[in-house]
N, C-alpha and C. Protein backbone atom coordinates (compact mmCIF):
# COMPACT_ATOMS: atom_id res chain seq x y z
N MET A 1 0.21 -1.44 -0.01
CA MET A 1 -0.64 0.30 0.45
C MET A 1 1.12 1.16 0.16
N ASN A 2 1.10 1.93 -0.88
CA ASN A 2 1.76 3.17 -1.05
C ASN A 2 1.20 3.90 -0.15
N ASN A 3 1.46 5.42 0.63
CA ASN A 3 0.95 6.83 1.23
C ASN A 3 -0.39 6.90 0.32
N GLU A 4 -0.39 7.15 -0.73
CA GLU A 4 -1.39 7.92 -1.02
C GLU A 4 -2.69 6.76 -0.56
N GLN A 5 -2.66 5.72 -0.54
CA GLN A 5 -3.58 4.97 0.26
C GLN A 5 -4.04 4.78 1.84
N GLN A 6 -2.69 5.02 2.29
CA GLN A 6 -2.39 5.33 3.53
C GLN A 6 -3.49 6.28 4.38
N GLY A 7 -2.97 7.48 3.65
CA GLY A 7 -3.83 8.67 4.27
C GLY A 7 -4.55 9.20 3.22
N ASN A 8 -4.82 11.24 3.20
CA ASN A 8 -5.40 11.88 2.44
C ASN A 8 -3.94 12.41 1.36
N PRO A 9 -4.45 12.73 0.23
CA PRO A 9 -2.93 13.03 -1.17
C PRO A 9 -2.33 13.96 -0.66
N TYR A 10 -1.25 13.74 -1.30
CA TYR A 10 -0.14 14.45 -0.50
C TYR A 10 -0.34 15.76 -1.20
N LEU A 11 0.11 17.21 -0.85
CA LEU A 11 -0.02 18.53 -1.76
C LEU A 11 0.61 18.26 -2.87
N ASN A 12 -0.01 19.06 -3.18
CA ASN A 12 0.66 19.46 -5.06
C ASN A 12 1.86 19.98 -5.01
N PRO A 13 3.67 19.24 -5.67
CA PRO A 13 4.38 19.57 -5.12
C PRO A 13 4.72 21.15 -5.79
N TYR A 14 4.43 21.88 -6.87
CA TYR A 14 4.53 22.95 -7.01
C TYR A 14 3.66 24.49 -6.33
N LEU A 15 2.84 23.59 -5.52
CA LEU A 15 2.11 24.43 -4.43
C LEU A 15 3.15 24.71 -3.25
N ALA A 16 2.84 23.23 -3.37
CA ALA A 16 4.05 23.65 -1.56
C ALA A 16 4.99 24.20 -1.23
N GLY A 17 5.37 24.36 -3.47
CA GLY A 17 7.11 25.16 -3.49
C GLY A 17 6.72 26.27 -2.97
N PHE A 18 5.97 26.81 -3.95
CA PHE A 18 5.65 27.29 -4.09
C PHE A 18 5.16 28.80 -2.37
N LEU A 19 4.40 28.06 -1.20
CA LEU A 19 4.25 27.80 -0.19
C LEU A 19 5.21 28.49 0.32
N LEU A 20 6.73 27.55 0.33
CA LEU A 20 7.76 27.30 1.22
C LEU A 20 8.67 28.66 0.77
N GLY A 21 8.12 28.98 -0.49
CA GLY A 21 9.16 30.38 -1.33
C GLY A 21 7.95 31.46 -0.17
N LEU A 22 7.11 31.32 -0.27
CA LEU A 22 5.66 32.25 0.50
C LEU A 22 6.63 32.55 2.16
N THR A 23 6.64 31.14 2.41
CA THR A 23 7.11 31.11 3.91
C THR A 23 8.51 31.75 4.10
N LEU A 24 9.15 31.79 3.09
CA LEU A 24 10.85 32.33 2.74
C LEU A 24 10.65 33.46 2.95
N LEU A 25 10.01 34.74 2.56
CA LEU A 25 9.83 35.52 2.28
C LEU A 25 9.43 36.02 3.11
N THR A 26 8.34 35.57 3.69
CA THR A 26 7.84 36.14 5.68
C THR A 26 8.55 35.81 5.91
N SER A 27 9.96 34.74 5.75
CA SER A 27 10.97 35.54 7.73
C SER A 27 11.65 36.74 6.77
N PHE A 28 11.88 36.59 5.75
CA PHE A 28 12.83 37.52 4.96
C PHE A 28 12.07 39.12 5.78
N LEU A 29 10.46 38.99 5.58
CA LEU A 29 10.65 40.32 5.88
C LEU A 29 10.22 40.57 7.61
N ILE A 30 9.66 39.51 8.37
CA ILE A 30 9.07 39.84 9.51
C ILE A 30 10.43 39.70 10.49
N LEU A 31 11.59 38.63 10.28
CA LEU A 31 12.61 38.77 11.25
C LEU A 31 13.90 38.77 10.74
N GLY A 32 14.29 39.56 9.04
CA GLY A 32 15.39 39.87 8.39
C GLY A 32 16.13 38.81 8.25
N ALA A 33 15.88 37.83 8.56
CA ALA A 33 16.82 36.53 8.00
C ALA A 33 15.68 35.33 7.30
N GLY A 34 16.27 34.42 6.73
CA GLY A 34 16.03 33.31 6.16
C GLY A 34 15.85 32.01 7.06
N LEU A 35 15.95 30.72 6.66
CA LEU A 35 15.41 29.76 7.23
C LEU A 35 16.43 28.80 7.62
N GLY A 36 16.02 27.87 8.20
CA GLY A 36 17.31 26.61 8.56
C GLY A 36 16.91 26.31 10.35
N ALA A 37 17.81 24.65 10.35
CA ALA A 37 17.18 24.16 11.34
C ALA A 37 18.46 23.91 12.43
N SER A 38 19.21 23.89 11.66
CA SER A 38 20.50 23.28 12.11
C SER A 38 21.13 24.14 13.22
N GLY A 39 21.02 25.45 13.06
CA GLY A 39 21.48 26.80 14.19
C GLY A 39 20.42 26.12 15.71
N GLY A 40 19.12 25.80 15.54
CA GLY A 40 18.43 25.51 16.52
C GLY A 40 18.76 23.94 17.65
N LEU A 41 19.24 23.45 16.37
CA LEU A 41 19.78 21.81 17.10
C LEU A 41 20.81 22.11 17.87
N ALA A 42 21.49 22.87 17.69
CA ALA A 42 22.93 23.15 17.93
C ALA A 42 22.77 23.87 19.72
N ARG A 43 21.47 24.58 19.15
CA ARG A 43 21.18 25.22 20.80
C ARG A 43 20.13 24.63 21.28
N LEU A 44 20.16 23.36 20.88
CA LEU A 44 19.84 22.51 21.84
C LEU A 44 20.57 22.10 22.22
N SER A 45 21.03 21.28 21.76
CA SER A 45 22.55 20.43 22.25
C SER A 45 23.19 21.22 23.29
N ALA A 46 23.86 22.71 23.31
CA ALA A 46 24.28 23.29 24.12
C ALA A 46 23.75 23.69 25.56
N TRP A 47 21.86 23.27 25.24
CA TRP A 47 21.31 23.49 26.61
C TRP A 47 21.05 22.53 27.29
N CYS A 48 21.28 21.45 26.52
CA CYS A 48 21.56 19.92 27.26
C CYS A 48 22.66 19.91 27.86
N GLY A 49 23.86 20.31 27.34
CA GLY A 49 25.15 20.75 27.72
C GLY A 49 25.04 21.39 28.55
N LEU A 50 24.16 22.07 28.59
CA LEU A 50 24.68 23.67 30.61
C LEU A 50 23.58 22.04 31.49
N CYS A 51 22.25 21.83 31.24
CA CYS A 51 21.87 20.07 32.27
C CYS A 51 22.94 20.15 32.22
N ILE A 52 23.82 19.40 31.95
CA ILE A 52 25.09 18.18 32.42
C ILE A 52 26.79 18.70 32.79
N ALA A 53 27.22 19.40 31.95
CA ALA A 53 27.99 20.29 32.59
C ALA A 53 28.07 21.75 32.16
N PRO A 54 27.40 22.50 33.05
CA PRO A 54 27.14 23.70 32.77
C PRO A 54 28.36 24.75 32.44
N GLU A 55 29.39 24.28 33.14
CA GLU A 55 30.94 24.94 32.89
C GLU A 55 31.91 25.04 32.31
N GLN A 56 31.74 23.43 31.52
CA GLN A 56 32.05 23.65 30.57
C GLN A 56 31.89 24.29 29.29
N ILE A 57 30.38 24.11 28.95
CA ILE A 57 29.56 24.37 27.60
C ILE A 57 29.93 26.58 27.89
N LEU A 58 30.04 26.59 28.89
CA LEU A 58 30.28 28.33 29.10
C LEU A 58 31.79 28.31 28.78
N ASN A 59 32.18 27.62 29.15
CA ASN A 59 33.85 28.14 28.79
C ASN A 59 34.05 27.40 27.41
N SER A 60 32.84 27.11 26.40
CA SER A 60 33.06 25.80 25.12
C SER A 60 34.04 28.01 24.43
N ALA A 61 34.66 27.37 23.16
CA ALA A 61 34.44 28.15 22.37
C ALA A 61 33.53 28.69 21.15
N TYR A 62 33.03 26.71 20.68
CA TYR A 62 32.04 27.00 20.26
C TYR A 62 30.89 27.57 20.52
N PHE A 63 29.47 26.62 22.01
CA PHE A 63 28.76 26.94 22.93
C PHE A 63 29.26 28.29 23.25
N GLY A 64 30.31 28.67 24.04
CA GLY A 64 29.60 29.72 25.70
C GLY A 64 29.73 30.54 24.97
N ALA A 65 29.26 31.00 23.87
CA ALA A 65 29.34 32.57 22.87
C ALA A 65 27.57 32.60 23.30
N TRP A 66 27.09 31.94 23.55
CA TRP A 66 25.66 31.70 23.19
C TRP A 66 25.00 31.63 24.53
N GLY A 67 25.72 32.07 26.12
CA GLY A 67 25.58 32.60 27.28
C GLY A 67 25.00 31.00 28.01
N GLU A 68 24.14 31.05 28.63
CA GLU A 68 23.43 30.57 29.84
C GLU A 68 22.38 30.32 29.32
N GLN A 69 21.19 31.07 28.04
CA GLN A 69 19.46 31.19 28.17
C GLN A 69 20.54 30.59 26.31
N PRO A 70 20.81 29.25 26.01
CA PRO A 70 21.28 29.46 24.06
C PRO A 70 19.73 29.23 23.94
N LEU A 71 18.44 28.39 23.94
CA LEU A 71 17.61 28.62 23.56
C LEU A 71 16.40 30.03 23.14
N LYS A 72 16.98 31.31 23.67
CA LYS A 72 16.37 31.99 23.06
C LYS A 72 16.81 32.48 21.80
N TYR A 73 15.82 32.07 20.45
CA TYR A 73 16.67 32.10 19.40
C TYR A 73 15.92 31.86 18.53
N TYR A 74 15.84 31.92 16.81
CA TYR A 74 14.31 32.38 16.71
C TYR A 74 14.55 31.20 15.95
N LEU A 75 15.98 30.26 15.40
CA LEU A 75 16.13 29.13 14.86
C LEU A 75 16.07 28.04 15.56
N VAL A 76 15.53 27.96 17.30
CA VAL A 76 15.11 26.66 18.32
C VAL A 76 13.44 27.19 18.07
N PHE A 77 12.92 28.61 17.48
CA PHE A 77 11.14 28.15 17.98
C PHE A 77 11.07 27.28 16.64
N MET A 78 11.48 28.72 15.63
CA MET A 78 11.49 27.74 14.13
C MET A 78 11.95 26.04 13.90
N LEU A 79 12.35 25.91 14.57
CA LEU A 79 12.38 24.29 15.21
C LEU A 79 11.82 23.41 15.41
N ALA A 80 11.18 24.33 15.97
CA ALA A 80 9.97 23.95 16.99
C ALA A 80 8.47 23.80 16.84
N GLY A 81 8.30 25.02 15.72
CA GLY A 81 7.03 24.85 14.93
C GLY A 81 7.06 24.05 14.17
N ILE A 82 8.04 23.48 13.63
CA ILE A 82 8.62 22.92 12.15
C ILE A 82 8.06 20.82 12.81
N LEU A 83 8.64 20.87 13.78
CA LEU A 83 8.82 20.09 14.73
C LEU A 83 6.61 19.91 15.03
N VAL A 84 6.41 20.31 15.34
CA VAL A 84 5.19 20.54 15.88
C VAL A 84 3.64 20.67 14.54
N GLY A 85 4.58 21.69 13.63
CA GLY A 85 3.63 21.38 12.18
C GLY A 85 3.24 20.27 11.63
N GLY A 86 4.49 19.41 11.52
CA GLY A 86 4.63 18.37 11.06
C GLY A 86 3.74 17.24 11.09
N PHE A 87 4.08 17.19 12.57
CA PHE A 87 2.88 16.62 13.85
C PHE A 87 1.58 16.49 13.00
N VAL A 88 1.59 17.24 13.35
CA VAL A 88 -0.42 18.13 13.87
C VAL A 88 -0.85 18.37 11.90
N SER A 89 0.31 17.96 10.98
CA SER A 89 -0.45 17.45 9.97
C SER A 89 0.17 16.48 9.64
N ALA A 90 0.61 15.58 10.09
CA ALA A 90 0.89 13.95 9.74
C ALA A 90 -0.78 13.58 10.47
N VAL A 91 -1.07 14.03 11.70
CA VAL A 91 -2.28 13.94 12.39
C VAL A 91 -3.93 13.80 11.30
N VAL A 92 -3.41 14.94 11.50
CA VAL A 92 -5.12 15.91 10.77
C VAL A 92 -5.18 14.47 9.46
N ASN A 93 -4.16 14.48 8.21
CA ASN A 93 -3.89 13.62 7.21
C ASN A 93 -4.21 11.95 7.70
N ARG A 94 -3.98 11.34 8.98
CA ARG A 94 -4.03 10.31 8.65
C ARG A 94 -3.13 9.57 8.08
N ARG A 95 -2.01 10.21 9.15
CA ARG A 95 -0.80 9.95 8.15
C ARG A 95 0.00 8.81 9.25
N VAL A 96 -0.21 9.37 10.46
CA VAL A 96 0.71 9.40 11.84
C VAL A 96 0.65 7.09 12.23
N LYS A 97 2.02 6.48 11.75
CA LYS A 97 2.10 5.32 12.04
C LYS A 97 3.23 4.95 12.50
N ILE A 98 3.35 3.49 13.81
CA ILE A 98 4.71 4.08 13.67
C ILE A 98 5.31 2.55 12.68
N GLN A 99 6.23 2.92 11.71
CA GLN A 99 6.72 2.36 11.44
C GLN A 99 8.07 2.44 11.21
N THR A 100 9.36 1.28 9.93
CA THR A 100 10.09 1.97 9.78
C THR A 100 10.23 1.49 8.53
N GLU A 101 11.05 2.60 7.89
CA GLU A 101 11.18 2.46 6.09
C GLU A 101 12.18 2.10 5.86
N ARG A 102 11.99 0.59 5.17
CA ARG A 102 13.09 0.15 4.38
C ARG A 102 13.21 -0.63 3.20
N GLY A 103 14.06 -0.86 2.44
CA GLY A 103 13.60 -2.21 2.14
C GLY A 103 13.76 -3.93 2.42
N ALA A 104 13.63 -4.40 0.82
CA ALA A 104 13.23 -6.04 1.93
C ALA A 104 14.96 -5.86 1.81
N SER A 105 15.83 -6.07 2.00
CA SER A 105 17.27 -6.66 1.67
C SER A 105 17.96 -6.46 3.35
N TYR A 106 16.98 -5.62 4.02
CA TYR A 106 17.49 -4.63 5.49
C TYR A 106 16.56 -5.06 6.35
N SER A 107 17.37 -5.52 7.61
CA SER A 107 16.96 -5.13 8.79
C SER A 107 16.23 -3.99 9.80
N ALA A 108 15.17 -4.44 10.26
CA ALA A 108 14.74 -2.67 10.70
C ALA A 108 15.83 -1.91 11.33
N GLY A 109 16.96 -3.68 12.16
CA GLY A 109 17.84 -2.76 13.02
C GLY A 109 18.87 -2.05 12.27
N LYS A 110 18.86 -2.96 11.52
CA LYS A 110 19.86 -2.22 10.18
C LYS A 110 19.96 -0.98 9.65
N ARG A 111 18.78 -0.94 9.42
CA ARG A 111 18.05 0.25 8.73
C ARG A 111 17.87 1.58 10.15
N LEU A 112 17.82 1.86 11.03
CA LEU A 112 17.71 2.58 12.16
C LEU A 112 19.97 2.19 12.47
N ALA A 113 20.07 1.85 12.19
CA ALA A 113 21.60 2.15 12.95
C ALA A 113 22.08 2.41 11.52
N LEU A 114 22.03 2.33 10.43
CA LEU A 114 22.24 3.17 9.01
C LEU A 114 21.90 4.85 9.10
N ALA A 115 20.43 4.91 9.52
CA ALA A 115 19.78 6.22 9.49
C ALA A 115 20.41 7.36 10.76
N LEU A 116 20.72 6.83 11.72
CA LEU A 116 20.76 7.20 13.09
C LEU A 116 22.47 7.07 12.27
N LEU A 117 23.47 6.86 12.17
CA LEU A 117 25.21 7.03 11.10
C LEU A 117 25.12 7.70 10.18
N GLY A 118 23.98 7.95 9.59
CA GLY A 118 24.41 9.35 8.31
C GLY A 118 23.61 10.06 9.01
N GLY A 119 22.73 10.15 10.26
CA GLY A 119 22.15 12.27 11.20
C GLY A 119 23.40 12.31 11.66
N ILE A 120 24.16 11.78 12.37
CA ILE A 120 25.26 11.88 12.89
C ILE A 120 26.26 12.78 11.79
N ILE A 121 26.43 11.70 10.89
CA ILE A 121 27.43 12.95 9.70
C ILE A 121 26.95 13.72 9.36
N THR A 122 25.76 13.75 8.91
CA THR A 122 25.15 14.53 8.41
C THR A 122 25.18 16.59 9.19
N GLY A 123 24.79 15.79 10.94
CA GLY A 123 24.55 17.07 12.23
C GLY A 123 25.75 17.65 11.86
N PHE A 124 26.98 16.90 12.01
CA PHE A 124 28.18 17.40 12.07
C PHE A 124 28.58 18.47 10.49
N ALA A 125 28.33 17.65 10.05
CA ALA A 125 28.66 18.25 7.99
C ALA A 125 27.82 19.68 8.13
N THR A 126 26.75 19.33 8.88
CA THR A 126 26.15 20.78 8.55
C THR A 126 26.46 21.85 9.41
N ARG A 127 27.07 21.74 10.23
CA ARG A 127 27.63 23.01 11.62
C ARG A 127 29.50 23.29 11.21
N LEU A 128 29.75 21.93 10.52
CA LEU A 128 30.74 22.72 9.82
C LEU A 128 31.00 23.57 7.94
N ALA A 129 29.04 22.64 8.10
CA ALA A 129 29.24 23.85 6.85
C ALA A 129 28.81 25.68 6.93
N ARG A 130 28.55 25.41 8.70
CA ARG A 130 28.06 26.35 8.81
C ARG A 130 26.33 27.15 8.27
N GLY A 131 25.44 25.76 8.15
CA GLY A 131 23.98 25.86 7.22
C GLY A 131 23.77 24.29 7.49
N CYS A 132 22.85 24.26 7.51
CA CYS A 132 22.16 23.17 6.98
C CYS A 132 21.65 22.67 5.05
N THR A 133 20.29 21.85 4.81
CA THR A 133 20.07 22.30 3.29
C THR A 133 18.63 23.38 3.66
N SER A 134 18.31 23.68 4.44
CA SER A 134 17.64 25.09 4.55
C SER A 134 17.76 26.53 3.62
N GLY A 135 18.95 26.65 5.76
CA GLY A 135 19.47 27.29 5.25
C GLY A 135 20.93 28.00 3.68
N MET A 136 22.12 26.33 3.55
CA MET A 136 22.22 26.98 2.88
C MET A 136 21.42 26.56 1.11
N ALA A 137 20.61 25.83 0.95
CA ALA A 137 19.35 25.89 -0.17
C ALA A 137 18.85 26.82 -0.80
N LEU A 138 18.10 26.62 0.60
CA LEU A 138 16.99 27.28 0.56
C LEU A 138 17.26 28.83 0.50
N THR A 139 17.70 29.69 1.99
CA THR A 139 17.87 31.05 1.81
C THR A 139 20.09 31.29 1.50
N GLY A 140 20.21 30.98 0.72
CA GLY A 140 21.75 30.83 0.10
C GLY A 140 20.83 31.07 -1.13
N THR A 141 19.87 30.30 -1.57
CA THR A 141 20.28 30.24 -3.53
C THR A 141 19.14 31.66 -3.56
N ALA A 142 18.19 31.95 -2.81
CA ALA A 142 17.51 32.60 -2.57
C ALA A 142 18.12 33.53 -2.27
N LEU A 143 19.06 34.45 -2.03
CA LEU A 143 19.97 35.36 -1.96
C LEU A 143 20.90 35.63 -3.15
N LEU A 144 20.63 34.37 -4.08
CA LEU A 144 21.64 34.30 -4.80
C LEU A 144 23.01 34.34 -4.60
N THR A 145 23.53 33.68 -3.80
CA THR A 145 24.73 33.77 -3.39
C THR A 145 25.43 32.16 -3.94
N THR A 146 26.49 32.64 -3.99
CA THR A 146 27.25 31.40 -5.10
C THR A 146 27.38 29.76 -4.27
N GLY A 147 27.47 30.40 -3.04
CA GLY A 147 27.92 29.11 -1.95
C GLY A 147 26.26 28.07 -2.11
N GLY A 148 25.00 28.86 -2.07
CA GLY A 148 24.17 28.19 -1.64
C GLY A 148 23.81 27.46 -3.37
N VAL A 149 23.77 28.46 -4.39
CA VAL A 149 23.36 27.96 -5.92
C VAL A 149 24.40 26.51 -5.85
N ALA A 150 25.41 26.41 -5.29
CA ALA A 150 26.38 25.42 -6.11
C ALA A 150 26.00 24.37 -5.01
N PHE A 151 25.66 24.78 -3.22
CA PHE A 151 25.16 23.35 -2.34
C PHE A 151 24.04 23.19 -2.97
N LEU A 152 22.96 23.70 -3.31
CA LEU A 152 21.97 23.07 -4.30
C LEU A 152 22.06 22.13 -5.22
N LEU A 153 23.33 22.67 -6.02
CA LEU A 153 23.61 21.73 -6.95
C LEU A 153 24.42 20.17 -6.29
N ALA A 154 25.53 20.46 -6.16
CA ALA A 154 26.09 19.00 -5.19
C ALA A 154 25.00 18.05 -4.52
N THR A 155 24.01 18.88 -3.97
CA THR A 155 23.05 17.97 -3.70
C THR A 155 22.20 17.06 -4.32
N PHE A 156 21.94 17.97 -5.07
CA PHE A 156 20.63 17.37 -6.62
C PHE A 156 22.16 16.09 -7.03
N ALA A 157 22.73 16.46 -7.21
CA ALA A 157 23.74 15.46 -7.78
C ALA A 157 23.84 14.35 -6.67
N GLY A 158 24.76 14.94 -5.64
CA GLY A 158 24.67 13.41 -4.62
C GLY A 158 23.52 12.40 -3.89
N GLY A 159 22.82 13.35 -4.58
CA GLY A 159 21.39 12.55 -3.98
C GLY A 159 20.91 11.72 -5.16
N TYR A 160 20.95 12.17 -6.71
CA TYR A 160 20.80 11.52 -7.32
C TYR A 160 21.62 10.11 -7.43
N MET A 161 22.87 10.74 -7.28
CA MET A 161 23.92 9.36 -7.21
C MET A 161 23.74 8.44 -6.44
N THR A 162 23.61 8.60 -4.69
CA THR A 162 23.56 8.08 -4.29
C THR A 162 22.70 6.87 -4.14
N ALA A 163 20.94 7.52 -4.58
CA ALA A 163 19.62 6.68 -5.28
C ALA A 163 20.46 5.65 -5.89
N TYR A 164 21.24 6.20 -6.94
CA TYR A 164 21.46 5.18 -8.37
C TYR A 164 22.20 4.19 -7.21
N ILE A 165 23.05 4.53 -6.56
CA ILE A 165 23.74 3.61 -5.60
C ILE A 165 23.23 2.73 -4.80
N PHE A 166 22.49 2.47 -4.24
CA PHE A 166 21.68 2.21 -3.39
C PHE A 166 20.09 1.52 -2.98
N ARG A 167 19.94 1.62 -4.83
CA ARG A 167 18.92 1.47 -5.58
C ARG A 167 18.21 0.19 -5.57
N ARG A 168 19.09 -1.18 -5.44
CA ARG A 168 18.96 -2.46 -4.90
C ARG A 168 17.90 -2.48 -3.22
N GLN A 169 18.95 -1.69 -2.44
CA GLN A 169 18.13 -2.74 -1.40
C GLN A 169 16.63 -1.96 -1.23
N TRP A 170 15.72 -0.82 -2.56
CA TRP A 170 14.54 -0.79 -2.11
C TRP A 170 13.60 -1.84 -2.60
N HIS A 171 13.95 -3.13 -3.22
CA HIS A 171 13.27 -3.70 -3.96
C HIS A 171 13.28 -5.09 -4.09
N ASP A 172 12.04 -5.77 -3.81
CA ASP A 172 11.60 -6.87 -3.32
C ASP A 172 12.52 -8.40 -3.54
């Protein structure tokens, strides 16, 4: 059974892209800044660190600059809105289901382990690059920055290459 049969139909991708563009424009008009998620996650990590070892976090060259209240930042609230909004959308459209998306040749445990490893690598890389996909591709491309356009092209090229390499794990 595909996702169309499990819940309401998905939003038209062209309409979704247009609405995303309006969201980005609204963010620029209201906040004077674009979209991004990795900054919110980094600040959440700093807050968790403050709960465990506050002195080390405050003395850290990376986390310390955010002070004792790293969650007071617009990207933290944007990230929370993304999580809550995504969940509400899934509930409204009857798509909430606990499952592990995987190909027939991979066990759920192996798929989850690889997803965790990929998430850790991606999280590290986004902070190293000073931005995530939404920050680099959406905001950077909207501002016509060379880095944003190069990142967007590299992301699509990498995605197509990865899909080609791993296509067999999704076949029965």
